[in-house]
Amino acid sequence: MMMKKVIAVAASVSLALMAGCASNPNDPQGGDTNRTAVGAVMGGIVGGVLANNTGHRSTGRTAAGVLLGAAAGGAIGHSMDAREKKLREIAADRDAKSMEVERLKEDVVRVSVSSEASFDVNRADIKAEFKPTLNKVAGVLQSDGKQSIRVVGYTDNTGSEAANQRLSERRAKAVGDYLSAQGVSSSQITTEGRGESEPRASNATAEGRTENRRVEIYLQQM
């Protein structure tokens, strides 16, 4: 009964916080504070549920589970908020080359870079003019060892499917290797190519093909 009350209260607070996020689009912090708060509450719910499901049904242990879960959820939210902010500052720099930053989940941030800005056509060696931006990204990524970094390469549908797959793999590996050379732990980095699959735009136009040729870096808290 006590566990049900804890979950009910935490869920109510979580809903209130999320409603606050939705009703305050002009938050000068870009919603960072609200996201962290929601993460803390949701972490608290998870902590409480775990404490209950492992047989720790006493009020003290349940409360401890809630507090520990809230601390973990809040820490993850705050850490990702800080890195997302830094990455957005890099993307906003006028020298940044077609870089976009998107928060996909509480613990996942995606950085997308047009291959036009980072690679020459049909090549997998990183352009010299893109390296200063990538150096800054590496500086953000190497700040936390408790994260996984997945680099994914994509192409348009020009050429054979097999050739596009190989090219996307080489480009993803080139970015992963470069990040590692700049101090990001190689044990945190995985790379993969998806060729011409998962296009973001139509391959029927030159503009669409340009958009589909890209590399994406997924940063996730572990």
N, C-alpha and C. Protein backbone atom coordinates (compact mmCIF):
# COMPACT_ATOMS: atom_id res chain seq x y z
N MET A 1 0.84 -1.21 0.00
CA MET A 1 0.00 0.00 0.00
C MET A 1 0.86 1.25 0.00
N MET A 2 1.93 1.23 0.83
CA MET A 2 2.82 2.39 0.89
C MET A 2 3.47 2.63 -0.46
N MET A 3 3.89 1.53 -1.14
CA MET A 3 4.54 1.65 -2.44
C MET A 3 3.61 2.28 -3.46
N LYS A 4 2.34 1.88 -3.43
CA LYS A 4 1.37 2.43 -4.37
C LYS A 4 1.22 3.93 -4.17
N LYS A 5 1.22 4.35 -2.89
CA LYS A 5 1.09 5.77 -2.60
C LYS A 5 2.30 6.54 -3.10
N VAL A 6 3.50 5.95 -2.91
CA VAL A 6 4.72 6.62 -3.38
C VAL A 6 4.70 6.81 -4.89
N ILE A 7 4.35 5.73 -5.60
CA ILE A 7 4.31 5.81 -7.05
C ILE A 7 3.26 6.80 -7.52
N ALA A 8 2.10 6.79 -6.86
CA ALA A 8 1.03 7.70 -7.25
C ALA A 8 1.46 9.15 -7.07
N VAL A 9 2.10 9.45 -5.95
CA VAL A 9 2.55 10.82 -5.71
C VAL A 9 3.62 11.22 -6.72
N ALA A 10 4.59 10.32 -6.95
CA ALA A 10 5.67 10.63 -7.89
C ALA A 10 5.12 10.83 -9.29
N ALA A 11 4.18 9.99 -9.69
CA ALA A 11 3.59 10.13 -11.02
C ALA A 11 2.85 11.45 -11.15
N SER A 12 2.13 11.85 -10.09
CA SER A 12 1.40 13.11 -10.13
C SER A 12 2.36 14.29 -10.28
N VAL A 13 3.47 14.25 -9.54
CA VAL A 13 4.45 15.32 -9.64
C VAL A 13 5.07 15.35 -11.03
N SER A 14 5.37 14.15 -11.57
CA SER A 14 5.95 14.05 -12.90
C SER A 14 5.04 14.66 -13.95
N LEU A 15 3.75 14.35 -13.87
CA LEU A 15 2.79 14.90 -14.82
C LEU A 15 2.72 16.41 -14.70
N ALA A 16 2.77 16.90 -13.48
CA ALA A 16 2.73 18.35 -13.28
C ALA A 16 3.95 19.02 -13.88
N LEU A 17 5.12 18.39 -13.70
CA LEU A 17 6.34 18.95 -14.26
C LEU A 17 6.31 18.96 -15.78
N MET A 18 5.84 17.85 -16.37
CA MET A 18 5.76 17.79 -17.82
C MET A 18 4.76 18.79 -18.35
N ALA A 19 3.69 18.99 -17.64
CA ALA A 19 2.73 20.02 -18.05
C ALA A 19 3.38 21.38 -18.00
N GLY A 20 4.23 21.60 -17.01
CA GLY A 20 4.95 22.86 -16.91
C GLY A 20 5.85 23.06 -18.10
N CYS A 21 6.52 21.99 -18.55
CA CYS A 21 7.37 22.10 -19.73
C CYS A 21 6.56 22.53 -20.94
N ALA A 22 5.40 21.92 -21.09
CA ALA A 22 4.58 22.21 -22.26
C ALA A 22 4.01 23.61 -22.23
N SER A 23 3.75 24.13 -21.02
CA SER A 23 3.10 25.42 -20.92
C SER A 23 4.07 26.58 -20.85
N ASN A 24 5.39 26.28 -20.91
CA ASN A 24 6.38 27.34 -20.80
C ASN A 24 7.38 27.26 -21.95
N PRO A 25 6.95 27.49 -23.20
CA PRO A 25 7.84 27.37 -24.34
C PRO A 25 8.90 28.42 -24.37
N ASN A 26 8.77 29.50 -23.59
CA ASN A 26 9.74 30.59 -23.61
C ASN A 26 10.75 30.48 -22.48
N ASP A 27 10.87 29.31 -21.91
CA ASP A 27 11.84 29.09 -20.84
C ASP A 27 13.23 29.49 -21.32
N PRO A 28 13.89 30.46 -20.69
CA PRO A 28 15.20 30.90 -21.15
C PRO A 28 16.27 29.82 -21.07
N GLN A 29 16.03 28.78 -20.29
CA GLN A 29 16.99 27.69 -20.21
C GLN A 29 16.72 26.62 -21.26
N GLY A 30 15.78 26.87 -22.15
CA GLY A 30 15.49 25.91 -23.20
C GLY A 30 14.88 24.62 -22.68
N GLY A 31 14.27 24.67 -21.48
CA GLY A 31 13.63 23.47 -20.94
C GLY A 31 14.58 22.58 -20.19
N ASP A 32 15.87 22.97 -20.04
CA ASP A 32 16.85 22.11 -19.39
C ASP A 32 16.45 21.79 -17.96
N THR A 33 16.05 22.82 -17.21
CA THR A 33 15.70 22.62 -15.81
C THR A 33 14.51 21.68 -15.69
N ASN A 34 13.50 21.87 -16.54
CA ASN A 34 12.32 21.03 -16.49
C ASN A 34 12.64 19.58 -16.84
N ARG A 35 13.51 19.40 -17.87
CA ARG A 35 13.85 18.04 -18.26
C ARG A 35 14.57 17.32 -17.14
N THR A 36 15.48 18.04 -16.49
CA THR A 36 16.22 17.43 -15.38
C THR A 36 15.27 17.06 -14.25
N ALA A 37 14.31 17.93 -13.95
CA ALA A 37 13.35 17.65 -12.89
C ALA A 37 12.50 16.45 -13.23
N VAL A 38 12.03 16.38 -14.46
CA VAL A 38 11.22 15.23 -14.87
C VAL A 38 12.05 13.96 -14.79
N GLY A 39 13.32 14.05 -15.21
CA GLY A 39 14.19 12.88 -15.12
C GLY A 39 14.35 12.41 -13.70
N ALA A 40 14.47 13.35 -12.78
CA ALA A 40 14.61 12.99 -11.37
C ALA A 40 13.37 12.30 -10.85
N VAL A 41 12.20 12.82 -11.19
CA VAL A 41 10.96 12.21 -10.72
C VAL A 41 10.78 10.83 -11.32
N MET A 42 11.02 10.70 -12.62
CA MET A 42 10.87 9.39 -13.25
C MET A 42 11.88 8.40 -12.68
N GLY A 43 13.10 8.91 -12.40
CA GLY A 43 14.09 8.04 -11.76
C GLY A 43 13.61 7.59 -10.40
N GLY A 44 12.94 8.48 -9.69
CA GLY A 44 12.39 8.13 -8.38
C GLY A 44 11.36 7.04 -8.48
N ILE A 45 10.51 7.12 -9.49
CA ILE A 45 9.49 6.08 -9.68
C ILE A 45 10.17 4.74 -9.93
N VAL A 46 11.17 4.75 -10.81
CA VAL A 46 11.89 3.51 -11.11
C VAL A 46 12.55 2.96 -9.86
N GLY A 47 13.18 3.85 -9.07
CA GLY A 47 13.83 3.41 -7.85
C GLY A 47 12.85 2.78 -6.88
N GLY A 48 11.68 3.38 -6.76
CA GLY A 48 10.67 2.85 -5.86
C GLY A 48 10.15 1.51 -6.32
N VAL A 49 9.93 1.38 -7.63
CA VAL A 49 9.44 0.12 -8.17
C VAL A 49 10.47 -0.98 -7.96
N LEU A 50 11.75 -0.67 -8.20
CA LEU A 50 12.80 -1.66 -8.02
C LEU A 50 12.89 -2.11 -6.56
N ALA A 51 12.80 -1.14 -5.65
CA ALA A 51 12.87 -1.48 -4.24
C ALA A 51 11.72 -2.40 -3.86
N ASN A 52 10.54 -2.12 -4.40
CA ASN A 52 9.36 -2.92 -4.09
C ASN A 52 9.46 -4.32 -4.69
N ASN A 53 9.91 -4.39 -5.96
CA ASN A 53 9.94 -5.66 -6.66
C ASN A 53 11.04 -6.59 -6.18
N THR A 54 12.04 -6.04 -5.51
CA THR A 54 13.11 -6.89 -4.99
C THR A 54 12.82 -7.36 -3.58
N GLY A 55 11.60 -7.08 -3.10
CA GLY A 55 11.20 -7.58 -1.80
C GLY A 55 11.43 -6.62 -0.66
N HIS A 56 12.00 -5.43 -0.95
CA HIS A 56 12.25 -4.44 0.10
C HIS A 56 10.99 -3.60 0.27
N ARG A 57 10.06 -4.11 1.03
CA ARG A 57 8.76 -3.47 1.13
C ARG A 57 8.65 -2.52 2.31
N SER A 58 9.71 -2.42 3.10
CA SER A 58 9.62 -1.51 4.24
C SER A 58 9.60 -0.08 3.75
N THR A 59 8.95 0.78 4.52
CA THR A 59 8.84 2.19 4.13
C THR A 59 10.21 2.81 3.94
N GLY A 60 11.15 2.50 4.85
CA GLY A 60 12.48 3.08 4.76
C GLY A 60 13.19 2.69 3.49
N ARG A 61 13.15 1.40 3.14
CA ARG A 61 13.87 0.96 1.95
C ARG A 61 13.19 1.45 0.68
N THR A 62 11.87 1.50 0.71
CA THR A 62 11.17 2.03 -0.45
C THR A 62 11.53 3.50 -0.67
N ALA A 63 11.54 4.26 0.41
CA ALA A 63 11.90 5.68 0.30
C ALA A 63 13.32 5.84 -0.20
N ALA A 64 14.23 4.96 0.29
CA ALA A 64 15.62 5.03 -0.16
C ALA A 64 15.71 4.74 -1.65
N GLY A 65 14.91 3.76 -2.10
CA GLY A 65 14.90 3.46 -3.53
C GLY A 65 14.43 4.63 -4.35
N VAL A 66 13.39 5.31 -3.86
CA VAL A 66 12.88 6.50 -4.55
C VAL A 66 13.95 7.58 -4.62
N LEU A 67 14.63 7.83 -3.51
CA LEU A 67 15.63 8.88 -3.45
C LEU A 67 16.81 8.56 -4.36
N LEU A 68 17.28 7.31 -4.32
CA LEU A 68 18.39 6.93 -5.17
C LEU A 68 18.02 7.01 -6.64
N GLY A 69 16.81 6.55 -6.97
CA GLY A 69 16.36 6.63 -8.36
C GLY A 69 16.23 8.07 -8.81
N ALA A 70 15.73 8.93 -7.94
CA ALA A 70 15.58 10.35 -8.28
C ALA A 70 16.94 10.99 -8.50
N ALA A 71 17.91 10.64 -7.65
CA ALA A 71 19.25 11.20 -7.80
C ALA A 71 19.87 10.78 -9.12
N ALA A 72 19.71 9.49 -9.47
CA ALA A 72 20.28 8.98 -10.72
C ALA A 72 19.61 9.63 -11.92
N GLY A 73 18.27 9.69 -11.89
CA GLY A 73 17.55 10.31 -13.00
C GLY A 73 17.90 11.76 -13.17
N GLY A 74 18.01 12.49 -12.06
CA GLY A 74 18.35 13.90 -12.13
C GLY A 74 19.76 14.12 -12.64
N ALA A 75 20.70 13.25 -12.22
CA ALA A 75 22.08 13.38 -12.66
C ALA A 75 22.20 13.15 -14.16
N ILE A 76 21.50 12.15 -14.67
CA ILE A 76 21.53 11.88 -16.11
C ILE A 76 20.96 13.06 -16.88
N GLY A 77 19.81 13.56 -16.42
CA GLY A 77 19.19 14.69 -17.11
C GLY A 77 20.09 15.91 -17.10
N HIS A 78 20.71 16.21 -15.97
CA HIS A 78 21.57 17.38 -15.87
C HIS A 78 22.80 17.23 -16.75
N SER A 79 23.41 16.04 -16.75
CA SER A 79 24.60 15.80 -17.56
C SER A 79 24.31 15.95 -19.04
N MET A 80 23.19 15.38 -19.50
CA MET A 80 22.84 15.48 -20.91
C MET A 80 22.45 16.90 -21.28
N ASP A 81 21.79 17.61 -20.36
CA ASP A 81 21.44 19.01 -20.61
C ASP A 81 22.69 19.82 -20.89
N ALA A 82 23.73 19.61 -20.07
CA ALA A 82 24.96 20.38 -20.21
C ALA A 82 25.66 20.09 -21.52
N ARG A 83 25.72 18.82 -21.91
CA ARG A 83 26.39 18.48 -23.17
C ARG A 83 25.58 18.92 -24.37
N GLU A 84 24.26 18.81 -24.28
CA GLU A 84 23.42 19.29 -25.38
C GLU A 84 23.63 20.78 -25.59
N LYS A 85 23.69 21.54 -24.50
CA LYS A 85 23.89 22.98 -24.60
C LYS A 85 25.21 23.31 -25.28
N LYS A 86 26.28 22.61 -24.90
CA LYS A 86 27.59 22.86 -25.50
C LYS A 86 27.60 22.52 -26.99
N LEU A 87 26.95 21.41 -27.35
CA LEU A 87 26.89 21.01 -28.75
C LEU A 87 26.08 22.00 -29.58
N ARG A 88 25.01 22.53 -29.01
CA ARG A 88 24.21 23.54 -29.72
C ARG A 88 25.02 24.83 -29.92
N GLU A 89 25.86 25.17 -28.96
CA GLU A 89 26.70 26.34 -29.10
C GLU A 89 27.70 26.15 -30.24
N ILE A 90 28.22 24.93 -30.38
CA ILE A 90 29.13 24.64 -31.48
C ILE A 90 28.40 24.75 -32.82
N ALA A 91 27.19 24.17 -32.88
CA ALA A 91 26.40 24.19 -34.11
C ALA A 91 26.01 25.61 -34.51
N ALA A 92 25.84 26.49 -33.52
CA ALA A 92 25.42 27.87 -33.80
C ALA A 92 26.57 28.73 -34.32
N ASP A 93 27.81 28.27 -34.14
CA ASP A 93 28.96 29.03 -34.62
C ASP A 93 28.91 29.14 -36.14
N ARG A 94 29.19 30.30 -36.65
CA ARG A 94 29.09 30.52 -38.10
C ARG A 94 30.09 29.67 -38.89
N ASP A 95 31.14 29.19 -38.21
CA ASP A 95 32.11 28.34 -38.89
C ASP A 95 31.74 26.87 -38.88
N ALA A 96 30.70 26.52 -38.11
CA ALA A 96 30.25 25.12 -38.07
C ALA A 96 29.70 24.74 -39.44
N LYS A 97 29.98 23.51 -39.86
CA LYS A 97 29.60 23.06 -41.20
C LYS A 97 28.36 22.17 -41.16
N SER A 98 27.20 22.78 -41.40
CA SER A 98 25.94 22.02 -41.53
C SER A 98 25.74 21.02 -40.40
N MET A 99 25.88 21.49 -39.19
CA MET A 99 25.73 20.61 -38.02
C MET A 99 24.41 20.90 -37.33
N GLU A 100 23.68 19.83 -37.01
CA GLU A 100 22.40 19.96 -36.31
C GLU A 100 22.44 19.11 -35.03
N VAL A 101 21.81 19.62 -33.98
CA VAL A 101 21.76 18.91 -32.70
C VAL A 101 20.30 18.70 -32.31
N GLU A 102 19.96 17.48 -31.93
CA GLU A 102 18.57 17.16 -31.57
C GLU A 102 18.55 16.26 -30.34
N ARG A 103 17.70 16.60 -29.37
CA ARG A 103 17.51 15.77 -28.19
C ARG A 103 16.41 14.75 -28.51
N LEU A 104 16.77 13.49 -28.62
CA LEU A 104 15.82 12.45 -28.98
C LEU A 104 15.08 11.89 -27.78
N LYS A 105 15.83 11.67 -26.69
CA LYS A 105 15.27 11.16 -25.44
C LYS A 105 15.96 11.87 -24.29
N GLU A 106 15.52 11.57 -23.08
CA GLU A 106 16.15 12.17 -21.91
C GLU A 106 17.64 11.89 -21.89
N ASP A 107 18.03 10.68 -22.33
CA ASP A 107 19.43 10.30 -22.25
C ASP A 107 20.09 10.13 -23.61
N VAL A 108 19.51 10.67 -24.68
CA VAL A 108 20.07 10.52 -26.03
C VAL A 108 20.08 11.86 -26.76
N VAL A 109 21.25 12.23 -27.30
CA VAL A 109 21.39 13.41 -28.13
C VAL A 109 21.98 12.98 -29.47
N ARG A 110 21.42 13.52 -30.57
CA ARG A 110 21.93 13.20 -31.90
C ARG A 110 22.57 14.43 -32.53
N VAL A 111 23.75 14.25 -33.08
CA VAL A 111 24.44 15.30 -33.83
C VAL A 111 24.50 14.84 -35.28
N SER A 112 23.90 15.61 -36.19
CA SER A 112 23.89 15.27 -37.61
C SER A 112 24.79 16.24 -38.38
N VAL A 113 25.61 15.70 -39.28
CA VAL A 113 26.50 16.52 -40.09
C VAL A 113 26.36 16.12 -41.54
N SER A 114 26.10 17.09 -42.40
CA SER A 114 26.00 16.82 -43.82
C SER A 114 27.33 16.30 -44.35
N SER A 115 27.29 15.24 -45.15
CA SER A 115 28.51 14.71 -45.74
C SER A 115 29.11 15.70 -46.73
N GLU A 116 28.28 16.58 -47.27
CA GLU A 116 28.81 17.61 -48.17
C GLU A 116 29.80 18.50 -47.44
N ALA A 117 29.55 18.72 -46.14
CA ALA A 117 30.42 19.57 -45.34
C ALA A 117 31.63 18.81 -44.83
N SER A 118 31.53 17.51 -44.72
CA SER A 118 32.59 16.74 -44.07
C SER A 118 33.41 15.85 -45.00
N PHE A 119 32.86 15.49 -46.16
CA PHE A 119 33.58 14.60 -47.08
C PHE A 119 33.41 15.08 -48.53
N ASP A 120 34.41 14.81 -49.35
CA ASP A 120 34.25 15.01 -50.78
C ASP A 120 33.44 13.86 -51.35
N VAL A 121 32.92 14.05 -52.57
CA VAL A 121 32.08 13.04 -53.20
C VAL A 121 32.85 11.72 -53.35
N ASN A 122 32.20 10.65 -52.92
CA ASN A 122 32.74 9.29 -53.03
C ASN A 122 34.05 9.10 -52.29
N ARG A 123 34.30 9.90 -51.27
CA ARG A 123 35.51 9.76 -50.48
C ARG A 123 35.16 9.65 -48.99
N ALA A 124 36.08 9.08 -48.22
CA ALA A 124 35.82 8.87 -46.80
C ALA A 124 36.86 9.56 -45.92
N ASP A 125 37.72 10.41 -46.52
CA ASP A 125 38.65 11.16 -45.70
C ASP A 125 38.02 12.50 -45.34
N ILE A 126 38.09 12.85 -44.06
CA ILE A 126 37.41 14.04 -43.55
C ILE A 126 38.03 15.32 -44.12
N LYS A 127 37.19 16.23 -44.58
CA LYS A 127 37.68 17.50 -45.11
C LYS A 127 38.40 18.30 -44.03
N ALA A 128 39.46 18.98 -44.42
CA ALA A 128 40.25 19.76 -43.47
C ALA A 128 39.41 20.85 -42.82
N GLU A 129 38.50 21.46 -43.58
CA GLU A 129 37.71 22.57 -43.04
C GLU A 129 36.67 22.11 -42.03
N PHE A 130 36.38 20.81 -41.99
CA PHE A 130 35.42 20.30 -41.01
C PHE A 130 36.09 19.92 -39.70
N LYS A 131 37.39 19.70 -39.71
CA LYS A 131 38.09 19.20 -38.53
C LYS A 131 38.01 20.15 -37.32
N PRO A 132 38.08 21.48 -37.49
CA PRO A 132 37.95 22.35 -36.31
C PRO A 132 36.63 22.16 -35.57
N THR A 133 35.54 21.98 -36.33
CA THR A 133 34.23 21.73 -35.69
C THR A 133 34.23 20.39 -35.00
N LEU A 134 34.78 19.37 -35.66
CA LEU A 134 34.82 18.04 -35.08
C LEU A 134 35.72 18.00 -33.83
N ASN A 135 36.75 18.84 -33.83
CA ASN A 135 37.61 18.94 -32.64
C ASN A 135 36.80 19.43 -31.43
N LYS A 136 35.94 20.41 -31.68
CA LYS A 136 35.11 20.95 -30.59
C LYS A 136 34.12 19.90 -30.10
N VAL A 137 33.54 19.15 -31.02
CA VAL A 137 32.61 18.08 -30.65
C VAL A 137 33.34 17.05 -29.80
N ALA A 138 34.56 16.69 -30.20
CA ALA A 138 35.35 15.73 -29.44
C ALA A 138 35.60 16.23 -28.02
N GLY A 139 35.83 17.54 -27.88
CA GLY A 139 36.05 18.11 -26.56
C GLY A 139 34.87 17.92 -25.65
N VAL A 140 33.66 17.97 -26.20
CA VAL A 140 32.45 17.74 -25.40
C VAL A 140 32.30 16.25 -25.07
N LEU A 141 32.56 15.40 -26.05
CA LEU A 141 32.34 13.97 -25.87
C LEU A 141 33.34 13.33 -24.91
N GLN A 142 34.54 13.88 -24.81
CA GLN A 142 35.54 13.26 -23.95
C GLN A 142 35.39 13.67 -22.50
N SER A 143 34.37 14.51 -22.21
CA SER A 143 34.19 15.02 -20.85
C SER A 143 33.50 14.03 -19.91
N ASP A 144 32.97 12.93 -20.46
CA ASP A 144 32.23 11.99 -19.61
C ASP A 144 32.50 10.57 -20.08
N GLY A 145 33.06 9.77 -19.21
CA GLY A 145 33.35 8.39 -19.57
C GLY A 145 32.16 7.47 -19.48
N LYS A 146 31.05 7.93 -18.90
CA LYS A 146 29.86 7.10 -18.74
C LYS A 146 28.86 7.38 -19.85
N GLN A 147 29.31 7.19 -21.09
CA GLN A 147 28.44 7.43 -22.23
C GLN A 147 28.86 6.53 -23.37
N SER A 148 27.92 6.21 -24.24
CA SER A 148 28.24 5.47 -25.45
C SER A 148 28.09 6.43 -26.62
N ILE A 149 28.96 6.28 -27.59
CA ILE A 149 28.98 7.16 -28.76
C ILE A 149 28.87 6.29 -30.00
N ARG A 150 27.78 6.42 -30.72
CA ARG A 150 27.56 5.61 -31.92
C ARG A 150 27.59 6.52 -33.15
N VAL A 151 28.47 6.22 -34.09
CA VAL A 151 28.61 7.01 -35.31
C VAL A 151 28.00 6.22 -36.46
N VAL A 152 27.05 6.82 -37.16
CA VAL A 152 26.34 6.14 -38.24
C VAL A 152 26.49 6.94 -39.54
N GLY A 153 26.90 6.26 -40.61
CA GLY A 153 27.04 6.90 -41.91
C GLY A 153 25.89 6.56 -42.84
N TYR A 154 25.51 7.53 -43.68
CA TYR A 154 24.43 7.34 -44.66
C TYR A 154 24.87 7.93 -46.01
N THR A 155 24.26 7.44 -47.08
CA THR A 155 24.51 7.98 -48.41
C THR A 155 23.18 8.23 -49.11
N ASP A 156 23.25 8.82 -50.31
CA ASP A 156 22.05 8.88 -51.14
C ASP A 156 21.98 7.58 -51.95
N ASN A 157 21.13 7.52 -52.96
CA ASN A 157 20.99 6.27 -53.71
C ASN A 157 21.75 6.28 -55.03
N THR A 158 22.67 7.24 -55.19
CA THR A 158 23.49 7.28 -56.39
C THR A 158 24.52 6.16 -56.34
N GLY A 159 24.63 5.38 -57.41
CA GLY A 159 25.54 4.25 -57.41
C GLY A 159 24.86 2.99 -56.89
N SER A 160 25.65 1.93 -56.78
CA SER A 160 25.06 0.66 -56.36
C SER A 160 24.84 0.64 -54.86
N GLU A 161 23.89 -0.18 -54.46
CA GLU A 161 23.58 -0.30 -53.04
C GLU A 161 24.78 -0.81 -52.25
N ALA A 162 25.51 -1.77 -52.83
CA ALA A 162 26.67 -2.33 -52.15
C ALA A 162 27.77 -1.29 -51.97
N ALA A 163 28.01 -0.49 -53.01
CA ALA A 163 29.04 0.54 -52.93
C ALA A 163 28.66 1.60 -51.90
N ASN A 164 27.39 1.96 -51.87
CA ASN A 164 26.92 2.96 -50.90
C ASN A 164 27.07 2.44 -49.47
N GLN A 165 26.81 1.17 -49.28
CA GLN A 165 26.95 0.59 -47.95
C GLN A 165 28.41 0.67 -47.49
N ARG A 166 29.32 0.29 -48.37
CA ARG A 166 30.74 0.34 -48.01
C ARG A 166 31.21 1.76 -47.73
N LEU A 167 30.74 2.71 -48.55
CA LEU A 167 31.13 4.11 -48.36
C LEU A 167 30.61 4.64 -47.03
N SER A 168 29.38 4.31 -46.69
CA SER A 168 28.81 4.79 -45.42
C SER A 168 29.58 4.21 -44.23
N GLU A 169 30.01 2.97 -44.35
CA GLU A 169 30.79 2.36 -43.28
C GLU A 169 32.15 3.04 -43.12
N ARG A 170 32.81 3.34 -44.25
CA ARG A 170 34.13 3.99 -44.20
C ARG A 170 34.02 5.39 -43.61
N ARG A 171 32.97 6.10 -43.96
CA ARG A 171 32.81 7.46 -43.44
C ARG A 171 32.53 7.44 -41.93
N ALA A 172 31.69 6.52 -41.49
CA ALA A 172 31.42 6.42 -40.05
C ALA A 172 32.69 6.07 -39.30
N LYS A 173 33.47 5.15 -39.85
CA LYS A 173 34.72 4.75 -39.20
C LYS A 173 35.72 5.90 -39.17
N ALA A 174 35.76 6.69 -40.24
CA ALA A 174 36.68 7.83 -40.29
C ALA A 174 36.36 8.82 -39.18
N VAL A 175 35.08 9.10 -38.96
CA VAL A 175 34.68 10.02 -37.89
C VAL A 175 34.98 9.42 -36.53
N GLY A 176 34.67 8.13 -36.35
CA GLY A 176 34.95 7.47 -35.08
C GLY A 176 36.44 7.47 -34.77
N ASP A 177 37.27 7.17 -35.77
CA ASP A 177 38.72 7.16 -35.57
C ASP A 177 39.23 8.55 -35.25
N TYR A 178 38.67 9.55 -35.88
CA TYR A 178 39.12 10.93 -35.65
C TYR A 178 38.78 11.36 -34.22
N LEU A 179 37.57 11.05 -33.77
CA LEU A 179 37.18 11.38 -32.40
C LEU A 179 38.10 10.70 -31.40
N SER A 180 38.44 9.44 -31.67
CA SER A 180 39.35 8.70 -30.79
C SER A 180 40.72 9.36 -30.76
N ALA A 181 41.20 9.81 -31.93
CA ALA A 181 42.51 10.47 -32.00
C ALA A 181 42.52 11.78 -31.24
N GLN A 182 41.34 12.37 -31.05
CA GLN A 182 41.24 13.64 -30.32
C GLN A 182 41.01 13.44 -28.82
N GLY A 183 41.08 12.22 -28.36
CA GLY A 183 40.99 11.98 -26.92
C GLY A 183 39.73 11.31 -26.42
N VAL A 184 38.78 11.02 -27.32
CA VAL A 184 37.58 10.30 -26.89
C VAL A 184 37.94 8.81 -26.80
N SER A 185 37.58 8.16 -25.72
CA SER A 185 37.95 6.76 -25.53
C SER A 185 37.36 5.88 -26.64
N SER A 186 38.22 5.10 -27.28
CA SER A 186 37.76 4.23 -28.36
C SER A 186 36.81 3.15 -27.85
N SER A 187 36.90 2.83 -26.56
CA SER A 187 36.01 1.82 -25.99
C SER A 187 34.57 2.30 -25.92
N GLN A 188 34.37 3.61 -26.01
CA GLN A 188 33.02 4.18 -25.97
C GLN A 188 32.40 4.30 -27.35
N ILE A 189 33.21 4.15 -28.40
CA ILE A 189 32.77 4.45 -29.77
C ILE A 189 32.45 3.18 -30.55
N THR A 190 31.31 3.17 -31.19
CA THR A 190 30.98 2.14 -32.17
C THR A 190 30.59 2.84 -33.47
N THR A 191 30.84 2.21 -34.59
CA THR A 191 30.51 2.81 -35.88
C THR A 191 29.73 1.81 -36.73
N GLU A 192 28.89 2.33 -37.59
CA GLU A 192 28.14 1.48 -38.52
C GLU A 192 27.72 2.30 -39.73
N GLY A 193 27.52 1.62 -40.84
CA GLY A 193 27.03 2.27 -42.05
C GLY A 193 25.67 1.73 -42.42
N ARG A 194 24.81 2.62 -42.88
CA ARG A 194 23.47 2.18 -43.29
C ARG A 194 23.20 2.50 -44.75
N GLY A 195 24.27 2.84 -45.47
CA GLY A 195 24.15 3.04 -46.90
C GLY A 195 23.07 4.02 -47.29
N GLU A 196 22.26 3.63 -48.25
CA GLU A 196 21.21 4.51 -48.76
C GLU A 196 19.88 4.31 -48.03
N SER A 197 19.87 3.45 -47.01
CA SER A 197 18.64 3.24 -46.24
C SER A 197 18.35 4.44 -45.36
N GLU A 198 17.13 4.55 -44.92
CA GLU A 198 16.69 5.60 -44.01
C GLU A 198 16.97 7.01 -44.53
N PRO A 199 16.55 7.32 -45.76
CA PRO A 199 16.75 8.69 -46.27
C PRO A 199 15.93 9.70 -45.49
N ARG A 200 16.46 10.90 -45.34
CA ARG A 200 15.73 11.97 -44.66
C ARG A 200 14.88 12.77 -45.64
N ALA A 201 15.21 12.68 -46.91
CA ALA A 201 14.49 13.43 -47.93
C ALA A 201 14.43 12.58 -49.20
N SER A 202 13.74 13.08 -50.21
CA SER A 202 13.61 12.35 -51.47
C SER A 202 14.94 12.36 -52.23
N ASN A 203 15.30 11.21 -52.77
CA ASN A 203 16.49 11.12 -53.60
C ASN A 203 16.22 11.56 -55.04
N ALA A 204 15.00 12.03 -55.30
CA ALA A 204 14.64 12.45 -56.65
C ALA A 204 15.20 13.83 -57.00
N THR A 205 15.64 14.58 -56.00
CA THR A 205 16.18 15.92 -56.24
C THR A 205 17.61 16.02 -55.70
N ALA A 206 18.37 16.96 -56.26
CA ALA A 206 19.75 17.16 -55.81
C ALA A 206 19.78 17.61 -54.35
N GLU A 207 18.81 18.46 -53.97
CA GLU A 207 18.74 18.93 -52.58
C GLU A 207 18.47 17.77 -51.63
N GLY A 208 17.57 16.88 -52.02
CA GLY A 208 17.24 15.73 -51.18
C GLY A 208 18.42 14.80 -51.03
N ARG A 209 19.14 14.56 -52.13
CA ARG A 209 20.31 13.68 -52.07
C ARG A 209 21.39 14.28 -51.16
N THR A 210 21.53 15.59 -51.23
CA THR A 210 22.51 16.25 -50.35
C THR A 210 22.15 16.03 -48.89
N GLU A 211 20.88 16.13 -48.57
CA GLU A 211 20.44 15.95 -47.19
C GLU A 211 20.62 14.51 -46.72
N ASN A 212 20.49 13.57 -47.64
CA ASN A 212 20.60 12.16 -47.27
C ASN A 212 22.05 11.72 -47.06
N ARG A 213 22.99 12.44 -47.67
CA ARG A 213 24.41 12.13 -47.47
C ARG A 213 24.85 12.79 -46.17
N ARG A 214 24.99 11.99 -45.13
CA ARG A 214 25.25 12.57 -43.81
C ARG A 214 25.91 11.56 -42.88
N VAL A 215 26.44 12.08 -41.78
CA VAL A 215 26.95 11.26 -40.69
C VAL A 215 26.25 11.72 -39.43
N GLU A 216 25.80 10.78 -38.61
CA GLU A 216 25.12 11.10 -37.36
C GLU A 216 25.88 10.51 -36.19
N ILE A 217 26.00 11.31 -35.13
CA ILE A 217 26.66 10.86 -33.91
C ILE A 217 25.61 10.80 -32.80
N TYR A 218 25.39 9.62 -32.24
CA TYR A 218 24.42 9.44 -31.17
C TYR A 218 25.16 9.33 -29.84
N LEU A 219 24.83 10.22 -28.95
CA LEU A 219 25.43 10.25 -27.62
C LEU A 219 24.40 9.78 -26.61
N GLN A 220 24.70 8.70 -25.89
CA GLN A 220 23.75 8.15 -24.92
C GLN A 220 24.43 7.90 -23.59
N GLN A 221 23.75 8.33 -22.51
CA GLN A 221 24.27 8.10 -21.16
C GLN A 221 24.13 6.64 -20.80
N MET A 222 25.17 6.04 -20.26
CA MET A 222 25.14 4.63 -19.88
C MET A 222 24.81 4.50 -18.38
